[in-house]
C-alpha atoms as a PDB file:
ATOM      1  CA  MET A   1     260.627 -44.949   2.906  1.00  0.00           C
ATOM      2  CA  ILE A   2     259.189 -41.095   2.120  1.00  0.00           C
ATOM      3  CA  THR A   3     262.375 -39.609   3.335  1.00  0.00           C
ATOM      4  CA  VAL A   4     264.696 -41.655   0.970  1.00  0.00           C
ATOM      5  CA  PHE A   5     262.156 -40.935  -1.718  1.00  0.00           C
ATOM      6  CA  LEU A   6     262.107 -37.079  -1.084  1.00  0.00           C
ATOM      7  CA  ARG A   7     265.954 -36.921  -0.876  1.00  0.00           C
ATOM      8  CA  SER A   8     266.153 -38.814  -4.067  1.00  0.00           C
ATOM      9  CA  LEU A   9     263.990 -36.073  -5.651  1.00  0.00           C
ATOM     10  CA  THR A  10     266.215 -33.325  -4.417  1.00  0.00           C
ATOM     11  CA  ARG A  11     269.194 -35.218  -6.145  1.00  0.00           C
ATOM     12  CA  HIS A  12     267.769 -36.225  -9.250  1.00  0.00           C
ATOM     13  CA  TRP A  13     265.111 -34.032 -10.396  1.00  0.00           C
ATOM     14  CA  SER A  14     265.389 -30.803 -12.265  1.00  0.00           C
ATOM     15  CA  GLY A  15     262.183 -29.893 -12.197  1.00  0.00           C
ATOM     16  CA  LYS A  16     259.757 -27.822  -9.694  1.00  0.00           C
ATOM     17  CA  LEU A  17     259.188 -29.534  -6.601  1.00  0.00           C
ATOM     18  CA  ILE A  18     256.032 -29.605  -4.058  1.00  0.00           C
ATOM     19  CA  ALA A  19     256.251 -31.997  -1.087  1.00  0.00           C
ATOM     20  CA  VAL A  20     252.849 -32.719   0.650  1.00  0.00           C
ATOM     21  CA  ILE A  21     252.824 -34.560   4.025  1.00  0.00           C
ATOM     22  CA  VAL A  22     249.651 -35.970   5.194  1.00  0.00           C
ATOM     23  CA  SER A  23     248.308 -38.042   7.798  1.00  0.00           C
ATOM     24  CA  GLY A  24     250.542 -40.997   8.881  1.00  0.00           C
ATOM     25  CA  TYR A  25     252.678 -42.442  11.551  1.00  0.00           C
ATOM     26  CA  ASP A  26     256.241 -41.662  12.894  1.00  0.00           C
ATOM     27  CA  GLY A  27     257.946 -38.725  11.583  1.00  0.00           C
ATOM     28  CA  ASP A  28     258.920 -40.223   7.901  1.00  0.00           C
ATOM     29  CA  GLY A  29     259.404 -37.510   5.561  1.00  0.00           C
ATOM     30  CA  ALA A  30     260.098 -34.470   7.664  1.00  0.00           C
ATOM     31  CA  ALA A  31     263.979 -34.988   7.571  1.00  0.00           C
ATOM     32  CA  ALA A  32     263.988 -34.396   3.712  1.00  0.00           C
ATOM     33  CA  LEU A  33     261.892 -31.370   3.856  1.00  0.00           C
ATOM     34  CA  CYS A  34     264.667 -28.847   4.230  1.00  0.00           C
ATOM     35  CA  GLY A  35     266.453 -30.440   1.306  1.00  0.00           C
ATOM     36  CA  ILE A  36     263.373 -29.788  -0.821  1.00  0.00           C
ATOM     37  CA  ARG A  37     263.337 -26.126   0.101  1.00  0.00           C
ATOM     38  CA  GLU A  38     266.980 -25.818  -0.537  1.00  0.00           C
ATOM     39  CA  VAL A  39     266.384 -26.744  -4.208  1.00  0.00           C
ATOM     40  CA  GLY A  40     263.685 -24.043  -4.470  1.00  0.00           C
ATOM     41  CA  GLY A  41     260.829 -26.465  -3.762  1.00  0.00           C
ATOM     42  CA  ILE A  42     257.681 -25.751  -1.664  1.00  0.00           C
ATOM     43  CA  THR A  43     256.669 -28.127   1.333  1.00  0.00           C
ATOM     44  CA  ILE A  44     252.835 -28.121   2.289  1.00  0.00           C
ATOM     45  CA  GLU A  45     251.903 -29.976   5.408  1.00  0.00           C
ATOM     46  CA  GLN A  46     248.366 -31.036   6.397  1.00  0.00           C
ATOM     47  CA  LYS A  47     246.973 -29.412   9.528  1.00  0.00           C
ATOM     48  CA  PRO A  48     247.296 -32.000  12.499  1.00  0.00           C
ATOM     49  CA  ASP A  49     244.017 -31.659  13.646  1.00  0.00           C
ATOM     50  CA  THR A  50     242.360 -32.659  10.628  1.00  0.00           C
ATOM     51  CA  ALA A  51     244.735 -35.782  10.227  1.00  0.00           C
ATOM     52  CA  GLY A  52     243.598 -39.284  11.308  1.00  0.00           C
ATOM     53  CA  ARG A  53     247.017 -40.013  12.207  1.00  0.00           C
ATOM     54  CA  PRO A  54     248.849 -36.680  13.024  1.00  0.00           C
ATOM     55  CA  ASP A  55     252.378 -37.947  13.579  1.00  0.00           C
ATOM     56  CA  MET A  56     253.900 -37.273  10.197  1.00  0.00           C
ATOM     57  CA  PRO A  57     252.510 -33.508   9.862  1.00  0.00           C
ATOM     58  CA  SER A  58     253.518 -32.746  13.146  1.00  0.00           C
ATOM     59  CA  SER A  59     256.991 -33.840  12.642  1.00  0.00           C
ATOM     60  CA  ALA A  60     257.228 -31.971   9.536  1.00  0.00           C
ATOM     61  CA  ILE A  61     255.979 -28.824  11.023  1.00  0.00           C
ATOM     62  CA  ALA A  62     258.592 -29.456  13.925  1.00  0.00           C
ATOM     63  CA  SER A  63     261.344 -29.732  11.243  1.00  0.00           C
ATOM     64  CA  GLY A  64     260.913 -26.056  10.696  1.00  0.00           C
ATOM     65  CA  CYS A  65     261.215 -26.363   6.757  1.00  0.00           C
ATOM     66  CA  VAL A  66     257.248 -25.894   6.163  1.00  0.00           C
ATOM     67  CA  ASP A  67     256.061 -23.276   3.855  1.00  0.00           C
ATOM     68  CA  PHE A  68     252.025 -23.965   4.428  1.00  0.00           C
ATOM     69  CA  VAL A  69     250.176 -25.900   6.933  1.00  0.00           C
ATOM     70  CA  LEU A  70     247.017 -26.405   5.507  1.00  0.00           C
ATOM     71  CA  SER A  71     243.425 -28.682   5.679  1.00  0.00           C
ATOM     72  CA  PRO A  72     243.243 -31.161   2.805  1.00  0.00           C
ATOM     73  CA  GLU A  73     240.874 -28.806   0.840  1.00  0.00           C
ATOM     74  CA  ASP A  74     243.173 -25.973   1.147  1.00  0.00           C
ATOM     75  CA  ILE A  75     246.091 -27.948   0.126  1.00  0.00           C
ATOM     76  CA  ALA A  76     244.185 -28.655  -2.991  1.00  0.00           C
ATOM     77  CA  GLN A  77     243.647 -25.088  -3.811  1.00  0.00           C
ATOM     78  CA  GLU A  78     247.126 -24.199  -2.843  1.00  0.00           C
ATOM     79  CA  ILE A  79     248.545 -26.690  -5.364  1.00  0.00           C
ATOM     80  CA  VAL A  80     246.230 -25.414  -8.088  1.00  0.00           C
ATOM     81  CA  ARG A  81     247.240 -21.576  -7.293  1.00  0.00           C
ATOM     82  CA  ILE A  82     251.025 -22.532  -7.362  1.00  0.00           C
ATOM     83  CA  ALA A  83     250.646 -24.273 -10.524  1.00  0.00           C
ATOM     84  CA  HIS A  84     248.955 -21.397 -12.198  1.00  0.00           C
ATOM     85  CA  ALA A  85     251.557 -18.818 -10.966  1.00  0.00           C
ATOM     86  CA  THR A  86     254.201 -21.228 -12.222  1.00  0.00           C
ATOM     87  CA  ARG A  87     252.606 -21.276 -15.771  1.00  0.00           C
ATOM     88  CA  ALA A  88     252.220 -17.696 -15.721  1.00  0.00           C
ATOM     89  CA  ASP A  89     255.936 -17.254 -14.940  1.00  0.00           C
ATOM     90  CA  ASP A  90     257.017 -19.851 -17.279  1.00  0.00           C
ATOM     91  CA  SER A  91     255.038 -17.709 -20.006  1.00  0.00           C
ATOM     92  CA  ARG A  92     256.698 -14.540 -19.343  1.00  0.00           C
ATOM     93  CA  ALA A  93     259.964 -16.395 -19.469  1.00  0.00           C
ATOM     94  CA  MET A  94     259.733 -17.542 -22.834  1.00  0.00           C
ATOM     95  CA  ARG A  95     258.862 -13.820 -24.054  1.00  0.00           C
END
Protein backbone atom coordinates (compact mmCIF):
# COMPACT_ATOMS: atom_id res chain seq x y z
CA MET A 1 0.00 0.00 0.00
CA ILE A 2 2.87 2.40 0.66
CA THR A 3 4.10 1.97 -2.92
CA VAL A 4 0.67 2.95 -4.28
CA PHE A 5 0.56 5.99 -1.99
CA LEU A 6 4.06 7.18 -2.94
CA ARG A 7 3.42 6.71 -6.67
CA SER A 8 0.20 8.68 -6.31
CA LEU A 9 2.15 11.54 -4.76
CA THR A 10 4.57 11.67 -7.69
CA ARG A 11 1.64 11.96 -10.11
CA HIS A 12 -0.70 14.28 -8.22
CA TRP A 13 1.33 16.43 -5.82
CA SER A 14 3.01 19.56 -7.14
CA GLY A 15 4.80 20.45 -3.90
CA LYS A 16 8.11 19.27 -2.54
CA LEU A 17 8.29 15.63 -1.44
CA ILE A 18 10.25 13.93 1.31
CA ALA A 19 9.68 10.17 1.57
CA VAL A 20 10.76 8.46 4.80
CA ILE A 21 10.84 4.65 5.00
CA VAL A 22 11.12 3.20 8.50
CA SER A 23 10.78 -0.14 10.26
CA GLY A 24 8.36 -2.55 8.63
CA TYR A 25 7.80 -5.87 6.91
CA ASP A 26 8.48 -6.65 3.27
CA GLY A 27 9.79 -4.16 0.76
CA ASP A 28 6.68 -2.03 0.42
CA GLY A 29 7.59 1.50 -0.63
CA ALA A 30 11.00 0.72 -2.14
CA ALA A 31 9.67 0.46 -5.69
CA ALA A 32 8.34 4.02 -5.64
CA LEU A 33 11.46 5.74 -4.31
CA CYS A 34 13.06 6.31 -7.69
CA GLY A 35 9.89 8.11 -8.77
CA ILE A 36 10.13 10.40 -5.75
CA ARG A 37 13.68 11.32 -6.72
CA GLU A 38 12.74 11.75 -10.40
CA VAL A 39 10.29 14.52 -9.48
CA GLY A 40 12.89 16.26 -7.32
CA GLY A 41 11.94 14.71 -4.00
CA ILE A 42 14.23 13.51 -1.24
CA THR A 43 14.29 9.97 0.11
CA ILE A 44 15.31 9.07 3.66
CA GLU A 45 15.57 5.58 5.10
CA GLN A 46 15.98 4.39 8.65
CA LYS A 47 19.28 2.61 9.36
CA PRO A 48 18.34 -1.09 9.33
CA ASP A 49 20.27 -1.76 12.56
CA THR A 50 18.01 0.74 14.38
CA ALA A 51 14.75 -0.73 13.02
CA GLY A 52 12.62 -3.28 14.87
CA ARG A 53 11.79 -4.79 11.45
CA PRO A 54 14.54 -3.90 8.97
CA ASP A 55 12.87 -5.35 5.83
CA MET A 56 11.42 -2.09 4.51
CA PRO A 57 14.48 0.12 5.03
CA SER A 58 16.80 -2.61 3.70
CA SER A 59 14.69 -2.97 0.54
CA ALA A 60 14.63 0.79 0.13
CA ILE A 61 18.41 1.01 0.38
CA ALA A 62 18.77 -1.84 -2.13
CA SER A 63 16.65 0.15 -4.62
CA GLY A 64 19.56 2.54 -5.12
CA CYS A 65 17.21 5.52 -4.85
CA VAL A 66 18.06 6.67 -1.34
CA ASP A 67 19.47 10.07 -0.44
CA PHE A 68 20.00 9.50 3.29
CA VAL A 69 20.26 6.45 5.59
CA LEU A 70 19.87 7.74 9.15
CA SER A 71 18.91 6.84 12.70
CA PRO A 72 15.42 7.96 13.77
CA GLU A 73 16.88 10.92 15.67
CA ASP A 74 18.93 11.98 12.68
CA ILE A 75 15.91 11.62 10.37
CA ALA A 76 14.08 14.26 12.39
CA GLN A 77 17.11 16.59 12.33
CA GLU A 78 17.54 16.16 8.57
CA ILE A 79 13.89 16.99 7.88
CA VAL A 80 14.25 20.17 9.96
CA ARG A 81 17.44 21.07 8.06
CA ILE A 82 15.70 20.50 4.70
CA ALA A 83 12.69 22.56 5.78
CA HIS A 84 14.91 25.48 6.82
CA ALA A 85 16.90 25.30 3.57
CA THR A 86 13.69 25.19 1.54
CA ARG A 87 12.29 28.25 3.34
CA ALA A 88 15.52 30.14 2.70
CA ASP A 89 15.42 29.20 -1.00
CA ASP A 90 11.75 30.24 -1.24
CA SER A 91 12.51 33.58 0.43
CA ARG A 92 15.29 34.30 -2.05
CA ALA A 93 13.03 33.39 -4.98
CA MET A 94 10.38 35.89 -3.84
CA ARG A 95 12.81 38.83 -3.93
